Amino acid sequence: MERLAGSRILARPVGLFILIIFCMAVGVLSSLISGSGPSPWYDALLKSPLNPPSWTFGVVWPCLYAFMGLSVWLIMRTPETPDRRLALILFWLQLAINFTWSWVFFDQHWLGWSVAHIGILWIVLALTIWRFSRIRPLAAWLLLPYLAWITFAGHLSYAIWDLND
């Protein structure tokens, strides 16, 4: 992944488009692989009173993936340093964890593991934000809505686990 992260093209304006599309593709592919979305299994689950309507996820996630793409692009445009390298490793790691969460929850129906999984995602994302803040504060700020959404998603996951286990 460092070869991709070090690519000069990704630091150019066209790289912004590529990175946003890549982040969104991760989300779309995750949904397709996991079968996330409306399903008899999911519909039958007891949910938190704070659970938003299903259409909300289709609006929020593309915005968050776009912010992720912009955020990582801003980091890609900075000089290569050990701090930048670690920040990018954390970013790609959190994206991979994000990718697998839907499979754990929607495909495998591992409710307890999905809560642990989102907790790990939250920690890695918080570390990514901290590292980004040391390199380019705007890049870190762009990830804060994602952290807020993951915090909320953690509540929703825990509620589903608690109410249905």
N, C-alpha and C. Protein backbone atom coordinates (compact mmCIF):
# COMPACT_ATOMS: atom_id res chain seq x y z
N MET A 1 0.84 -1.20 0.00
CA MET A 1 0.00 0.00 0.00
C MET A 1 0.88 1.25 0.00
N GLU A 2 2.10 1.17 0.54
CA GLU A 2 2.96 2.34 0.57
C GLU A 2 3.32 2.78 -0.85
N ARG A 3 3.47 1.82 -1.78
CA ARG A 3 3.74 2.19 -3.17
C ARG A 3 2.60 3.07 -3.69
N LEU A 4 1.34 2.67 -3.41
CA LEU A 4 0.19 3.48 -3.79
C LEU A 4 0.22 4.81 -3.05
N ALA A 5 0.53 4.77 -1.75
CA ALA A 5 0.53 5.98 -0.94
C ALA A 5 1.61 6.95 -1.40
N GLY A 6 2.72 6.44 -1.92
CA GLY A 6 3.80 7.30 -2.35
C GLY A 6 3.66 7.77 -3.79
N SER A 7 2.64 7.32 -4.45
CA SER A 7 2.46 7.65 -5.86
C SER A 7 2.31 9.16 -6.07
N ARG A 8 3.06 9.68 -7.01
CA ARG A 8 2.99 11.11 -7.31
C ARG A 8 1.63 11.53 -7.86
N ILE A 9 1.00 10.65 -8.62
CA ILE A 9 -0.27 11.04 -9.23
C ILE A 9 -1.34 11.29 -8.17
N LEU A 10 -1.28 10.56 -7.07
CA LEU A 10 -2.29 10.74 -6.03
C LEU A 10 -2.15 12.08 -5.32
N ALA A 11 -1.00 12.68 -5.39
CA ALA A 11 -0.79 13.99 -4.77
C ALA A 11 -1.23 15.13 -5.69
N ARG A 12 -1.52 14.81 -6.92
CA ARG A 12 -1.98 15.83 -7.88
C ARG A 12 -3.49 15.99 -7.77
N PRO A 13 -4.05 17.04 -8.40
CA PRO A 13 -5.50 17.24 -8.34
C PRO A 13 -6.31 16.03 -8.80
N VAL A 14 -5.86 15.32 -9.82
CA VAL A 14 -6.59 14.13 -10.27
C VAL A 14 -6.60 13.07 -9.17
N GLY A 15 -5.60 13.08 -8.32
CA GLY A 15 -5.54 12.14 -7.21
C GLY A 15 -6.70 12.31 -6.24
N LEU A 16 -7.16 13.54 -6.09
CA LEU A 16 -8.31 13.78 -5.21
C LEU A 16 -9.51 12.98 -5.71
N PHE A 17 -9.77 13.06 -7.00
CA PHE A 17 -10.88 12.31 -7.61
C PHE A 17 -10.67 10.80 -7.41
N ILE A 18 -9.46 10.33 -7.67
CA ILE A 18 -9.15 8.90 -7.55
C ILE A 18 -9.37 8.42 -6.11
N LEU A 19 -8.89 9.19 -5.15
CA LEU A 19 -9.00 8.78 -3.75
C LEU A 19 -10.45 8.81 -3.25
N ILE A 20 -11.21 9.79 -3.68
CA ILE A 20 -12.63 9.82 -3.29
C ILE A 20 -13.36 8.63 -3.89
N ILE A 21 -13.13 8.37 -5.17
CA ILE A 21 -13.77 7.22 -5.83
C ILE A 21 -13.32 5.92 -5.16
N PHE A 22 -12.05 5.82 -4.82
CA PHE A 22 -11.55 4.60 -4.18
C PHE A 22 -12.24 4.39 -2.83
N CYS A 23 -12.32 5.43 -2.01
CA CYS A 23 -12.97 5.30 -0.70
C CYS A 23 -14.44 4.91 -0.86
N MET A 24 -15.12 5.53 -1.81
CA MET A 24 -16.53 5.18 -2.05
C MET A 24 -16.65 3.75 -2.56
N ALA A 25 -15.73 3.33 -3.41
CA ALA A 25 -15.76 1.96 -3.93
C ALA A 25 -15.59 0.94 -2.81
N VAL A 26 -14.78 1.27 -1.83
CA VAL A 26 -14.62 0.38 -0.67
C VAL A 26 -15.98 0.18 0.00
N GLY A 27 -16.71 1.26 0.19
CA GLY A 27 -18.03 1.16 0.81
C GLY A 27 -19.02 0.37 -0.03
N VAL A 28 -19.03 0.62 -1.32
CA VAL A 28 -19.96 -0.09 -2.22
C VAL A 28 -19.61 -1.57 -2.26
N LEU A 29 -18.34 -1.89 -2.41
CA LEU A 29 -17.92 -3.28 -2.45
C LEU A 29 -18.24 -3.99 -1.14
N SER A 30 -18.04 -3.32 -0.03
CA SER A 30 -18.36 -3.90 1.27
C SER A 30 -19.85 -4.25 1.35
N SER A 31 -20.68 -3.33 0.88
CA SER A 31 -22.14 -3.57 0.88
C SER A 31 -22.51 -4.75 -0.01
N LEU A 32 -21.90 -4.82 -1.18
CA LEU A 32 -22.21 -5.90 -2.12
C LEU A 32 -21.78 -7.25 -1.57
N ILE A 33 -20.61 -7.31 -0.97
CA ILE A 33 -20.09 -8.57 -0.44
C ILE A 33 -20.90 -9.03 0.77
N SER A 34 -21.29 -8.10 1.60
CA SER A 34 -21.95 -8.47 2.86
C SER A 34 -23.46 -8.60 2.74
N GLY A 35 -24.02 -8.10 1.66
CA GLY A 35 -25.48 -8.12 1.55
C GLY A 35 -26.13 -7.16 2.52
N SER A 36 -25.42 -6.09 2.86
CA SER A 36 -25.99 -5.13 3.80
C SER A 36 -27.16 -4.41 3.14
N GLY A 37 -27.97 -3.83 3.97
CA GLY A 37 -29.16 -3.16 3.48
C GLY A 37 -30.39 -3.89 3.95
N PRO A 38 -31.52 -3.54 3.40
CA PRO A 38 -32.78 -4.17 3.84
C PRO A 38 -32.74 -5.68 3.66
N SER A 39 -33.11 -6.38 4.70
CA SER A 39 -33.18 -7.84 4.65
C SER A 39 -34.17 -8.29 5.72
N PRO A 40 -34.78 -9.45 5.52
CA PRO A 40 -35.70 -9.95 6.55
C PRO A 40 -35.01 -10.11 7.91
N TRP A 41 -33.76 -10.56 7.90
CA TRP A 41 -33.02 -10.73 9.16
C TRP A 41 -32.88 -9.38 9.87
N TYR A 42 -32.39 -8.37 9.15
CA TYR A 42 -32.17 -7.06 9.75
C TYR A 42 -33.49 -6.41 10.17
N ASP A 43 -34.48 -6.53 9.32
CA ASP A 43 -35.79 -5.93 9.62
C ASP A 43 -36.41 -6.51 10.89
N ALA A 44 -36.13 -7.79 11.18
CA ALA A 44 -36.71 -8.46 12.34
C ALA A 44 -35.99 -8.12 13.65
N LEU A 45 -34.82 -7.51 13.57
CA LEU A 45 -34.07 -7.19 14.78
C LEU A 45 -34.73 -6.07 15.58
N LEU A 46 -34.65 -6.17 16.89
CA LEU A 46 -35.03 -5.05 17.75
C LEU A 46 -33.91 -4.03 17.67
N LYS A 47 -34.27 -2.75 17.58
CA LYS A 47 -33.27 -1.71 17.38
C LYS A 47 -33.45 -0.58 18.40
N SER A 48 -32.41 0.21 18.53
CA SER A 48 -32.44 1.39 19.39
C SER A 48 -33.52 2.35 18.92
N PRO A 49 -34.16 3.06 19.86
CA PRO A 49 -35.12 4.09 19.44
C PRO A 49 -34.44 5.19 18.62
N LEU A 50 -33.12 5.29 18.72
CA LEU A 50 -32.37 6.29 17.95
C LEU A 50 -31.99 5.80 16.55
N ASN A 51 -32.35 4.56 16.23
CA ASN A 51 -32.00 4.02 14.92
C ASN A 51 -32.65 4.86 13.82
N PRO A 52 -31.83 5.42 12.92
CA PRO A 52 -32.41 6.27 11.86
C PRO A 52 -33.04 5.41 10.77
N PRO A 53 -33.86 6.03 9.92
CA PRO A 53 -34.41 5.28 8.78
C PRO A 53 -33.29 4.80 7.86
N SER A 54 -33.53 3.71 7.17
CA SER A 54 -32.50 3.08 6.32
C SER A 54 -31.90 4.03 5.28
N TRP A 55 -32.71 4.94 4.73
CA TRP A 55 -32.21 5.84 3.69
C TRP A 55 -31.10 6.75 4.21
N THR A 56 -31.07 6.98 5.52
CA THR A 56 -30.05 7.85 6.11
C THR A 56 -28.64 7.34 5.81
N PHE A 57 -28.46 6.04 5.87
CA PHE A 57 -27.13 5.46 5.65
C PHE A 57 -26.66 5.71 4.22
N GLY A 58 -27.59 5.67 3.27
CA GLY A 58 -27.25 5.94 1.88
C GLY A 58 -26.90 7.38 1.59
N VAL A 59 -27.25 8.28 2.50
CA VAL A 59 -26.90 9.69 2.36
C VAL A 59 -25.60 9.99 3.12
N VAL A 60 -25.51 9.47 4.33
CA VAL A 60 -24.37 9.80 5.19
C VAL A 60 -23.07 9.18 4.68
N TRP A 61 -23.10 7.88 4.36
CA TRP A 61 -21.84 7.22 4.00
C TRP A 61 -21.14 7.83 2.78
N PRO A 62 -21.82 8.14 1.69
CA PRO A 62 -21.09 8.77 0.58
C PRO A 62 -20.40 10.08 0.98
N CYS A 63 -21.06 10.87 1.83
CA CYS A 63 -20.43 12.10 2.32
C CYS A 63 -19.18 11.78 3.13
N LEU A 64 -19.28 10.80 4.01
CA LEU A 64 -18.13 10.43 4.84
C LEU A 64 -16.98 9.88 3.99
N TYR A 65 -17.30 9.06 2.99
CA TYR A 65 -16.25 8.54 2.11
C TYR A 65 -15.60 9.67 1.30
N ALA A 66 -16.37 10.65 0.90
CA ALA A 66 -15.80 11.80 0.19
C ALA A 66 -14.85 12.57 1.11
N PHE A 67 -15.26 12.78 2.35
CA PHE A 67 -14.38 13.45 3.32
C PHE A 67 -13.11 12.64 3.56
N MET A 68 -13.24 11.30 3.61
CA MET A 68 -12.06 10.45 3.78
C MET A 68 -11.10 10.65 2.62
N GLY A 69 -11.65 10.62 1.39
CA GLY A 69 -10.80 10.80 0.21
C GLY A 69 -10.09 12.13 0.21
N LEU A 70 -10.82 13.20 0.55
CA LEU A 70 -10.22 14.53 0.62
C LEU A 70 -9.16 14.59 1.72
N SER A 71 -9.46 14.01 2.85
CA SER A 71 -8.54 14.02 3.98
C SER A 71 -7.22 13.32 3.64
N VAL A 72 -7.32 12.11 3.10
CA VAL A 72 -6.09 11.38 2.77
C VAL A 72 -5.33 12.07 1.63
N TRP A 73 -6.04 12.70 0.72
CA TRP A 73 -5.39 13.43 -0.36
C TRP A 73 -4.56 14.58 0.20
N LEU A 74 -5.10 15.29 1.18
CA LEU A 74 -4.34 16.38 1.80
C LEU A 74 -3.04 15.86 2.44
N ILE A 75 -3.11 14.68 3.02
CA ILE A 75 -1.90 14.09 3.61
C ILE A 75 -0.94 13.65 2.51
N MET A 76 -1.47 13.12 1.43
CA MET A 76 -0.63 12.67 0.30
C MET A 76 0.16 13.83 -0.29
N ARG A 77 -0.34 15.04 -0.15
CA ARG A 77 0.31 16.21 -0.73
C ARG A 77 1.43 16.77 0.15
N THR A 78 1.62 16.17 1.31
CA THR A 78 2.68 16.65 2.21
C THR A 78 3.97 15.86 1.94
N PRO A 79 5.10 16.42 2.36
CA PRO A 79 6.38 15.72 2.15
C PRO A 79 6.40 14.35 2.86
N GLU A 80 7.09 13.42 2.24
CA GLU A 80 7.21 12.09 2.83
C GLU A 80 8.09 12.15 4.08
N THR A 81 7.53 11.66 5.18
CA THR A 81 8.25 11.59 6.46
C THR A 81 7.79 10.31 7.16
N PRO A 82 8.50 9.88 8.20
CA PRO A 82 8.02 8.73 8.98
C PRO A 82 6.63 8.98 9.58
N ASP A 83 6.34 10.22 10.02
CA ASP A 83 5.01 10.53 10.57
C ASP A 83 3.93 10.36 9.50
N ARG A 84 4.22 10.84 8.32
CA ARG A 84 3.26 10.71 7.21
C ARG A 84 3.04 9.24 6.88
N ARG A 85 4.11 8.48 6.85
CA ARG A 85 3.99 7.05 6.54
C ARG A 85 3.10 6.35 7.57
N LEU A 86 3.33 6.60 8.85
CA LEU A 86 2.51 6.00 9.89
C LEU A 86 1.05 6.46 9.78
N ALA A 87 0.85 7.73 9.51
CA ALA A 87 -0.51 8.26 9.36
C ALA A 87 -1.24 7.56 8.22
N LEU A 88 -0.55 7.34 7.10
CA LEU A 88 -1.18 6.66 5.96
C LEU A 88 -1.45 5.19 6.26
N ILE A 89 -0.54 4.54 6.96
CA ILE A 89 -0.77 3.14 7.36
C ILE A 89 -2.03 3.06 8.22
N LEU A 90 -2.16 3.96 9.18
CA LEU A 90 -3.35 3.97 10.03
C LEU A 90 -4.61 4.25 9.21
N PHE A 91 -4.53 5.17 8.26
CA PHE A 91 -5.69 5.47 7.42
C PHE A 91 -6.13 4.24 6.66
N TRP A 92 -5.19 3.56 5.97
CA TRP A 92 -5.56 2.39 5.17
C TRP A 92 -6.04 1.26 6.07
N LEU A 93 -5.48 1.15 7.27
CA LEU A 93 -5.93 0.13 8.22
C LEU A 93 -7.38 0.39 8.65
N GLN A 94 -7.69 1.63 8.99
CA GLN A 94 -9.08 1.91 9.40
C GLN A 94 -10.05 1.67 8.26
N LEU A 95 -9.61 1.96 7.03
CA LEU A 95 -10.49 1.73 5.88
C LEU A 95 -10.73 0.23 5.69
N ALA A 96 -9.71 -0.58 5.91
CA ALA A 96 -9.86 -2.03 5.82
C ALA A 96 -10.79 -2.55 6.92
N ILE A 97 -10.66 -2.03 8.12
CA ILE A 97 -11.54 -2.43 9.22
C ILE A 97 -12.97 -2.01 8.90
N ASN A 98 -13.14 -0.81 8.38
CA ASN A 98 -14.45 -0.32 7.97
C ASN A 98 -15.05 -1.28 6.94
N PHE A 99 -14.25 -1.68 5.97
CA PHE A 99 -14.69 -2.57 4.89
C PHE A 99 -15.24 -3.88 5.45
N THR A 100 -14.59 -4.45 6.45
CA THR A 100 -14.98 -5.77 6.96
C THR A 100 -16.13 -5.73 7.95
N TRP A 101 -16.45 -4.56 8.51
CA TRP A 101 -17.51 -4.51 9.51
C TRP A 101 -18.85 -5.00 8.95
N SER A 102 -19.23 -4.58 7.78
CA SER A 102 -20.51 -4.99 7.20
C SER A 102 -20.59 -6.50 7.04
N TRP A 103 -19.48 -7.14 6.68
CA TRP A 103 -19.47 -8.59 6.54
C TRP A 103 -19.72 -9.25 7.90
N VAL A 104 -19.05 -8.74 8.93
CA VAL A 104 -19.22 -9.29 10.27
C VAL A 104 -20.68 -9.16 10.72
N PHE A 105 -21.26 -8.00 10.51
CA PHE A 105 -22.62 -7.74 10.99
C PHE A 105 -23.69 -8.34 10.08
N PHE A 106 -23.71 -7.94 8.83
CA PHE A 106 -24.81 -8.30 7.93
C PHE A 106 -24.70 -9.71 7.36
N ASP A 107 -23.50 -10.17 7.08
CA ASP A 107 -23.35 -11.49 6.46
C ASP A 107 -23.25 -12.59 7.52
N GLN A 108 -22.42 -12.37 8.52
CA GLN A 108 -22.20 -13.40 9.52
C GLN A 108 -23.17 -13.31 10.71
N HIS A 109 -23.80 -12.16 10.89
CA HIS A 109 -24.74 -11.92 11.99
C HIS A 109 -24.07 -12.07 13.36
N TRP A 110 -22.80 -11.71 13.42
CA TRP A 110 -22.04 -11.78 14.67
C TRP A 110 -22.22 -10.46 15.41
N LEU A 111 -23.29 -10.33 16.13
CA LEU A 111 -23.65 -9.06 16.76
C LEU A 111 -22.61 -8.61 17.79
N GLY A 112 -22.19 -9.50 18.66
CA GLY A 112 -21.18 -9.14 19.66
C GLY A 112 -19.85 -8.77 19.02
N TRP A 113 -19.43 -9.56 18.04
CA TRP A 113 -18.18 -9.26 17.34
C TRP A 113 -18.27 -7.95 16.57
N SER A 114 -19.45 -7.63 16.09
CA SER A 114 -19.59 -6.35 15.36
C SER A 114 -19.37 -5.17 16.30
N VAL A 115 -19.76 -5.33 17.56
CA VAL A 115 -19.53 -4.26 18.54
C VAL A 115 -18.03 -4.13 18.81
N ALA A 116 -17.35 -5.27 19.01
CA ALA A 116 -15.90 -5.25 19.23
C ALA A 116 -15.20 -4.67 18.00
N HIS A 117 -15.66 -5.07 16.83
CA HIS A 117 -15.08 -4.62 15.56
C HIS A 117 -15.18 -3.10 15.43
N ILE A 118 -16.35 -2.57 15.74
CA ILE A 118 -16.52 -1.12 15.62
C ILE A 118 -15.71 -0.38 16.68
N GLY A 119 -15.50 -1.03 17.84
CA GLY A 119 -14.63 -0.44 18.86
C GLY A 119 -13.19 -0.34 18.37
N ILE A 120 -12.73 -1.39 17.69
CA ILE A 120 -11.38 -1.36 17.12
C ILE A 120 -11.30 -0.29 16.04
N LEU A 121 -12.33 -0.22 15.20
CA LEU A 121 -12.38 0.82 14.16
C LEU A 121 -12.29 2.21 14.80
N TRP A 122 -13.04 2.42 15.87
CA TRP A 122 -13.04 3.72 16.54
C TRP A 122 -11.64 4.09 17.03
N ILE A 123 -10.95 3.13 17.63
CA ILE A 123 -9.59 3.38 18.15
C ILE A 123 -8.63 3.70 17.01
N VAL A 124 -8.65 2.89 15.95
CA VAL A 124 -7.73 3.12 14.83
C VAL A 124 -8.05 4.44 14.14
N LEU A 125 -9.33 4.76 14.01
CA LEU A 125 -9.71 6.04 13.41
C LEU A 125 -9.26 7.21 14.28
N ALA A 126 -9.43 7.10 15.59
CA ALA A 126 -8.98 8.17 16.49
C ALA A 126 -7.47 8.36 16.39
N LEU A 127 -6.73 7.27 16.28
CA LEU A 127 -5.27 7.37 16.10
C LEU A 127 -4.94 8.01 14.75
N THR A 128 -5.70 7.67 13.72
CA THR A 128 -5.49 8.28 12.40
C THR A 128 -5.71 9.78 12.48
N ILE A 129 -6.78 10.19 13.12
CA ILE A 129 -7.08 11.61 13.26
C ILE A 129 -5.96 12.31 14.02
N TRP A 130 -5.49 11.70 15.08
CA TRP A 130 -4.39 12.29 15.87
C TRP A 130 -3.14 12.45 15.02
N ARG A 131 -2.80 11.41 14.25
CA ARG A 131 -1.60 11.49 13.40
C ARG A 131 -1.79 12.53 12.28
N PHE A 132 -2.99 12.55 11.68
CA PHE A 132 -3.26 13.53 10.63
C PHE A 132 -3.16 14.95 11.19
N SER A 133 -3.61 15.15 12.42
CA SER A 133 -3.60 16.49 13.01
C SER A 133 -2.18 17.03 13.16
N ARG A 134 -1.22 16.15 13.31
CA ARG A 134 0.18 16.56 13.45
C ARG A 134 0.81 16.95 12.12
N ILE A 135 0.16 16.52 11.02
CA ILE A 135 0.70 16.76 9.68
C ILE A 135 -0.06 17.86 8.97
N ARG A 136 -1.38 17.75 9.00
CA ARG A 136 -2.25 18.71 8.31
C ARG A 136 -3.57 18.76 9.06
N PRO A 137 -3.75 19.73 9.95
CA PRO A 137 -4.95 19.77 10.80
C PRO A 137 -6.27 19.68 10.04
N LEU A 138 -6.37 20.29 8.88
CA LEU A 138 -7.62 20.22 8.12
C LEU A 138 -7.96 18.76 7.78
N ALA A 139 -6.95 17.96 7.46
CA ALA A 139 -7.18 16.55 7.15
C ALA A 139 -7.79 15.83 8.35
N ALA A 140 -7.35 16.19 9.54
CA ALA A 140 -7.92 15.59 10.76
C ALA A 140 -9.35 16.06 10.97
N TRP A 141 -9.59 17.34 10.80
CA TRP A 141 -10.95 17.89 10.98
C TRP A 141 -11.95 17.22 10.05
N LEU A 142 -11.52 16.91 8.84
CA LEU A 142 -12.42 16.27 7.87
C LEU A 142 -12.85 14.87 8.29
N LEU A 143 -12.08 14.25 9.18
CA LEU A 143 -12.43 12.91 9.65
C LEU A 143 -13.30 12.92 10.91
N LEU A 144 -13.49 14.07 11.52
CA LEU A 144 -14.29 14.13 12.75
C LEU A 144 -15.76 13.74 12.54
N PRO A 145 -16.41 14.13 11.44
CA PRO A 145 -17.79 13.64 11.24
C PRO A 145 -17.85 12.12 11.15
N TYR A 146 -16.84 11.52 10.55
CA TYR A 146 -16.74 10.07 10.45
C TYR A 146 -16.60 9.46 11.85
N LEU A 147 -15.77 10.04 12.69
CA LEU A 147 -15.61 9.55 14.06
C LEU A 147 -16.93 9.69 14.82
N ALA A 148 -17.63 10.79 14.63
CA ALA A 148 -18.93 10.97 15.28
C ALA A 148 -19.92 9.91 14.80
N TRP A 149 -19.92 9.63 13.50
CA TRP A 149 -20.84 8.64 12.95
C TRP A 149 -20.50 7.24 13.46
N ILE A 150 -19.21 6.94 13.55
CA ILE A 150 -18.78 5.63 14.06
C ILE A 150 -19.17 5.51 15.53
N THR A 151 -19.08 6.58 16.27
CA THR A 151 -19.51 6.57 17.68
C THR A 151 -21.00 6.24 17.75
N PHE A 152 -21.78 6.90 16.92
CA PHE A 152 -23.22 6.65 16.87
C PHE A 152 -23.50 5.21 16.40
N ALA A 153 -22.78 4.77 15.38
CA ALA A 153 -22.95 3.41 14.89
C ALA A 153 -22.58 2.39 15.96
N GLY A 154 -21.60 2.73 16.80
CA GLY A 154 -21.26 1.86 17.91
C GLY A 154 -22.42 1.71 18.87
N HIS A 155 -23.10 2.81 19.14
CA HIS A 155 -24.30 2.75 20.00
C HIS A 155 -25.36 1.86 19.35
N LEU A 156 -25.61 2.07 18.06
CA LEU A 156 -26.63 1.28 17.37
C LEU A 156 -26.28 -0.21 17.38
N SER A 157 -25.02 -0.52 17.14
CA SER A 157 -24.58 -1.92 17.14
C SER A 157 -24.73 -2.54 18.53
N TYR A 158 -24.32 -1.80 19.54
CA TYR A 158 -24.45 -2.31 20.90
C TYR A 158 -25.92 -2.54 21.26
N ALA A 159 -26.77 -1.60 20.90
CA ALA A 159 -28.20 -1.73 21.20
C ALA A 159 -28.79 -2.97 20.52
N ILE A 160 -28.43 -3.19 19.27
CA ILE A 160 -28.93 -4.36 18.55
C ILE A 160 -28.44 -5.64 19.23
N TRP A 161 -27.17 -5.67 19.60
CA TRP A 161 -26.62 -6.84 20.29
C TRP A 161 -27.32 -7.06 21.62
N ASP A 162 -27.48 -6.00 22.38
CA ASP A 162 -28.09 -6.08 23.71
C ASP A 162 -29.56 -6.50 23.62
N LEU A 163 -30.27 -5.97 22.65
CA LEU A 163 -31.71 -6.25 22.54
C LEU A 163 -32.03 -7.59 21.90
N ASN A 164 -31.08 -8.16 21.19
CA ASN A 164 -31.37 -9.37 20.41
C ASN A 164 -30.55 -10.59 20.80
N ASP A 165 -29.68 -10.46 21.76
CA ASP A 165 -28.82 -11.60 22.11
C ASP A 165 -29.39 -12.37 23.28
